[in-house]
Amino acid sequence: MGTTIRATCPTCGDVELGVADLTALLCSTTQAASYSFRCPRCRMLVAKPTGRQVVDVLVSSGVELRYWRLPAELGEVHHGPPLAPADVISLRAELTRDDWYQRLVSAGSGESI
């Protein structure tokens, strides 16, 4: 019989999983560790932050380890104020137009929309 790991689903409570039911995750940018699984009862995808030591134990038990990294865009310098809700509404309205792409290209060349 294989290794059984007990985890907690926020909906169902404690559930028992096999090593193939979990994935250990490690951020190569920050070294943040977590694990994820699909609850065998409700089928909800559950992700939980944890310590590096727990990930090491999971991996040594046979759980797959996946590395991920933060997107490079998080390190970009942004100028100007953040988008306001009205900006998002205006952008959505623009994107519903059939000629939205042509208007965007024209705006990039100095023409006004």
C-alpha atoms as a PDB file:
ATOM      1  CA  MET A   1       0.000   0.000   0.000  1.00  0.00           C
ATOM      2  CA  GLY A   2       1.272   3.492  -0.830  1.00  0.00           C
ATOM      3  CA  THR A   3       1.853   6.495   1.368  1.00  0.00           C
ATOM      4  CA  THR A   4      -1.270   8.246   2.641  1.00  0.00           C
ATOM      5  CA  ILE A   5      -1.175  11.980   3.296  1.00  0.00           C
ATOM      6  CA  ARG A   6      -3.840  13.797   5.256  1.00  0.00           C
ATOM      7  CA  ALA A   7      -4.733  17.312   4.123  1.00  0.00           C
ATOM      8  CA  THR A   8      -7.588  19.682   4.870  1.00  0.00           C
ATOM      9  CA  CYS A   9     -10.163  20.848   2.350  1.00  0.00           C
ATOM     10  CA  PRO A  10     -11.854  24.112   3.427  1.00  0.00           C
ATOM     11  CA  THR A  11     -15.228  22.610   2.484  1.00  0.00           C
ATOM     12  CA  CYS A  12     -14.935  18.941   3.476  1.00  0.00           C
ATOM     13  CA  GLY A  13     -12.392  18.993   6.297  1.00  0.00           C
ATOM     14  CA  ASP A  14      -9.693  16.333   6.573  1.00  0.00           C
ATOM     15  CA  VAL A  15      -9.214  14.113   3.521  1.00  0.00           C
ATOM     16  CA  GLU A  16      -6.751  11.339   2.772  1.00  0.00           C
ATOM     17  CA  LEU A  17      -4.673  11.525  -0.397  1.00  0.00           C
ATOM     18  CA  GLY A  18      -2.033   9.480  -2.140  1.00  0.00           C
ATOM     19  CA  VAL A  19       1.253  10.990  -3.279  1.00  0.00           C
ATOM     20  CA  ALA A  20      -0.070  11.196  -6.863  1.00  0.00           C
ATOM     21  CA  ASP A  21      -2.970  13.374  -5.631  1.00  0.00           C
ATOM     22  CA  LEU A  22      -0.748  16.239  -4.453  1.00  0.00           C
ATOM     23  CA  THR A  23       1.670  18.633  -6.097  1.00  0.00           C
ATOM     24  CA  ALA A  24       4.390  20.433  -4.146  1.00  0.00           C
ATOM     25  CA  LEU A  25       5.148  23.938  -5.432  1.00  0.00           C
ATOM     26  CA  LEU A  26       8.255  26.049  -4.910  1.00  0.00           C
ATOM     27  CA  CYS A  27       8.683  29.605  -6.172  1.00  0.00           C
ATOM     28  CA  SER A  28      12.181  29.934  -7.603  1.00  0.00           C
ATOM     29  CA  THR A  29      11.948  33.730  -7.213  1.00  0.00           C
ATOM     30  CA  THR A  30      11.043  33.958  -3.516  1.00  0.00           C
ATOM     31  CA  GLN A  31      11.435  30.359  -2.284  1.00  0.00           C
ATOM     32  CA  ALA A  32       7.775  30.457  -1.113  1.00  0.00           C
ATOM     33  CA  ALA A  33       6.496  26.919  -0.695  1.00  0.00           C
ATOM     34  CA  SER A  34       3.005  25.493  -1.076  1.00  0.00           C
ATOM     35  CA  TYR A  35       1.131  22.375  -2.095  1.00  0.00           C
ATOM     36  CA  SER A  36      -2.064  21.761  -3.999  1.00  0.00           C
ATOM     37  CA  PHE A  37      -4.578  18.981  -4.473  1.00  0.00           C
ATOM     38  CA  ARG A  38      -8.064  18.357  -5.784  1.00  0.00           C
ATOM     39  CA  CYS A  39     -10.377  17.322  -2.958  1.00  0.00           C
ATOM     40  CA  PRO A  40     -11.505  13.738  -3.554  1.00  0.00           C
ATOM     41  CA  ARG A  41     -14.940  14.538  -2.105  1.00  0.00           C
ATOM     42  CA  CYS A  42     -16.029  17.908  -3.547  1.00  0.00           C
ATOM     43  CA  ARG A  43     -13.429  18.089  -6.398  1.00  0.00           C
ATOM     44  CA  MET A  44     -12.442  21.648  -5.410  1.00  0.00           C
ATOM     45  CA  LEU A  45      -8.840  22.610  -6.180  1.00  0.00           C
ATOM     46  CA  VAL A  46      -7.124  23.482  -2.905  1.00  0.00           C
ATOM     47  CA  ALA A  47      -3.803  25.316  -2.561  1.00  0.00           C
ATOM     48  CA  LYS A  48      -2.113  25.808   0.789  1.00  0.00           C
ATOM     49  CA  PRO A  49       1.001  27.773   1.708  1.00  0.00           C
ATOM     50  CA  THR A  50       3.481  25.815   3.785  1.00  0.00           C
ATOM     51  CA  GLY A  51       7.105  25.747   4.836  1.00  0.00           C
ATOM     52  CA  ARG A  52      10.023  24.481   2.795  1.00  0.00           C
ATOM     53  CA  GLN A  53      10.476  21.604   5.256  1.00  0.00           C
ATOM     54  CA  VAL A  54       6.940  20.320   4.537  1.00  0.00           C
ATOM     55  CA  VAL A  55       7.633  20.460   0.788  1.00  0.00           C
ATOM     56  CA  ASP A  56      10.852  18.511   1.354  1.00  0.00           C
ATOM     57  CA  VAL A  57       8.949  15.814   3.287  1.00  0.00           C
ATOM     58  CA  LEU A  58       6.249  15.639   0.616  1.00  0.00           C
ATOM     59  CA  VAL A  59       8.830  15.306  -2.167  1.00  0.00           C
ATOM     60  CA  SER A  60      10.770  12.649  -0.242  1.00  0.00           C
ATOM     61  CA  SER A  61       7.458  10.754   0.045  1.00  0.00           C
ATOM     62  CA  GLY A  62       7.064  10.789  -3.744  1.00  0.00           C
ATOM     63  CA  VAL A  63       4.967  13.934  -4.337  1.00  0.00           C
ATOM     64  CA  GLU A  64       5.794  15.736  -7.602  1.00  0.00           C
ATOM     65  CA  LEU A  65       7.670  19.032  -7.184  1.00  0.00           C
ATOM     66  CA  ARG A  66       6.947  21.880  -9.575  1.00  0.00           C
ATOM     67  CA  TYR A  67       8.921  25.107  -9.684  1.00  0.00           C
ATOM     68  CA  TRP A  68       7.323  28.395 -10.668  1.00  0.00           C
ATOM     69  CA  ARG A  69       8.477  31.997 -10.750  1.00  0.00           C
ATOM     70  CA  LEU A  70       6.889  35.384 -10.274  1.00  0.00           C
ATOM     71  CA  PRO A  71       6.143  37.171 -13.548  1.00  0.00           C
ATOM     72  CA  ALA A  72       8.827  39.644 -14.629  1.00  0.00           C
ATOM     73  CA  GLU A  73       6.145  42.339 -14.934  1.00  0.00           C
ATOM     74  CA  LEU A  74       6.052  42.610 -11.134  1.00  0.00           C
ATOM     75  CA  GLY A  75       9.517  44.156 -11.263  1.00  0.00           C
ATOM     76  CA  GLU A  76       8.642  46.756 -13.884  1.00  0.00           C
ATOM     77  CA  VAL A  77       8.583  50.428 -13.007  1.00  0.00           C
ATOM     78  CA  HIS A  78       5.170  51.945 -13.670  1.00  0.00           C
ATOM     79  CA  HIS A  79       4.577  55.634 -14.264  1.00  0.00           C
ATOM     80  CA  GLY A  80       1.356  57.512 -13.712  1.00  0.00           C
ATOM     81  CA  PRO A  81      -1.601  56.785 -11.510  1.00  0.00           C
ATOM     82  CA  PRO A  82      -3.177  53.335 -11.336  1.00  0.00           C
ATOM     83  CA  LEU A  83      -6.257  52.640 -13.424  1.00  0.00           C
ATOM     84  CA  ALA A  84      -9.462  53.925 -11.876  1.00  0.00           C
ATOM     85  CA  PRO A  85     -12.770  52.065 -12.254  1.00  0.00           C
ATOM     86  CA  ALA A  86     -13.865  54.649 -14.853  1.00  0.00           C
ATOM     87  CA  ASP A  87     -10.728  53.866 -16.898  1.00  0.00           C
ATOM     88  CA  VAL A  88     -11.604  50.177 -16.922  1.00  0.00           C
ATOM     89  CA  ILE A  89     -15.181  50.945 -17.993  1.00  0.00           C
ATOM     90  CA  SER A  90     -13.907  53.151 -20.829  1.00  0.00           C
ATOM     91  CA  LEU A  91     -11.444  50.487 -21.942  1.00  0.00           C
ATOM     92  CA  ARG A  92     -14.149  47.833 -21.964  1.00  0.00           C
ATOM     93  CA  ALA A  93     -16.388  50.081 -24.054  1.00  0.00           C
ATOM     94  CA  GLU A  94     -13.529  50.661 -26.534  1.00  0.00           C
ATOM     95  CA  LEU A  95     -12.875  46.928 -26.850  1.00  0.00           C
ATOM     96  CA  THR A  96     -16.491  46.257 -27.855  1.00  0.00           C
ATOM     97  CA  ARG A  97     -16.017  48.363 -31.006  1.00  0.00           C
ATOM     98  CA  ASP A  98     -15.225  46.492 -34.216  1.00  0.00           C
ATOM     99  CA  ASP A  99     -12.385  48.891 -35.015  1.00  0.00           C
ATOM    100  CA  TRP A 100     -10.774  48.831 -31.545  1.00  0.00           C
ATOM    101  CA  TYR A 101      -7.408  47.583 -32.813  1.00  0.00           C
ATOM    102  CA  GLN A 102      -7.110  50.185 -35.564  1.00  0.00           C
ATOM    103  CA  ARG A 103      -8.067  52.907 -33.069  1.00  0.00           C
ATOM    104  CA  LEU A 104      -5.435  51.656 -30.618  1.00  0.00           C
ATOM    105  CA  VAL A 105      -2.721  51.698 -33.293  1.00  0.00           C
ATOM    106  CA  SER A 106      -3.776  55.207 -34.324  1.00  0.00           C
ATOM    107  CA  ALA A 107      -3.634  56.362 -30.709  1.00  0.00           C
ATOM    108  CA  GLY A 108      -0.089  54.978 -30.450  1.00  0.00           C
ATOM    109  CA  SER A 109       0.930  57.100 -33.399  1.00  0.00           C
ATOM    110  CA  GLY A 110      -0.270  60.305 -31.752  1.00  0.00           C
ATOM    111  CA  GLU A 111      -3.796  60.457 -33.122  1.00  0.00           C
ATOM    112  CA  SER A 112      -6.581  60.841 -30.610  1.00  0.00           C
ATOM    113  CA  ILE A 113      -9.293  58.278 -30.117  1.00  0.00           C
END
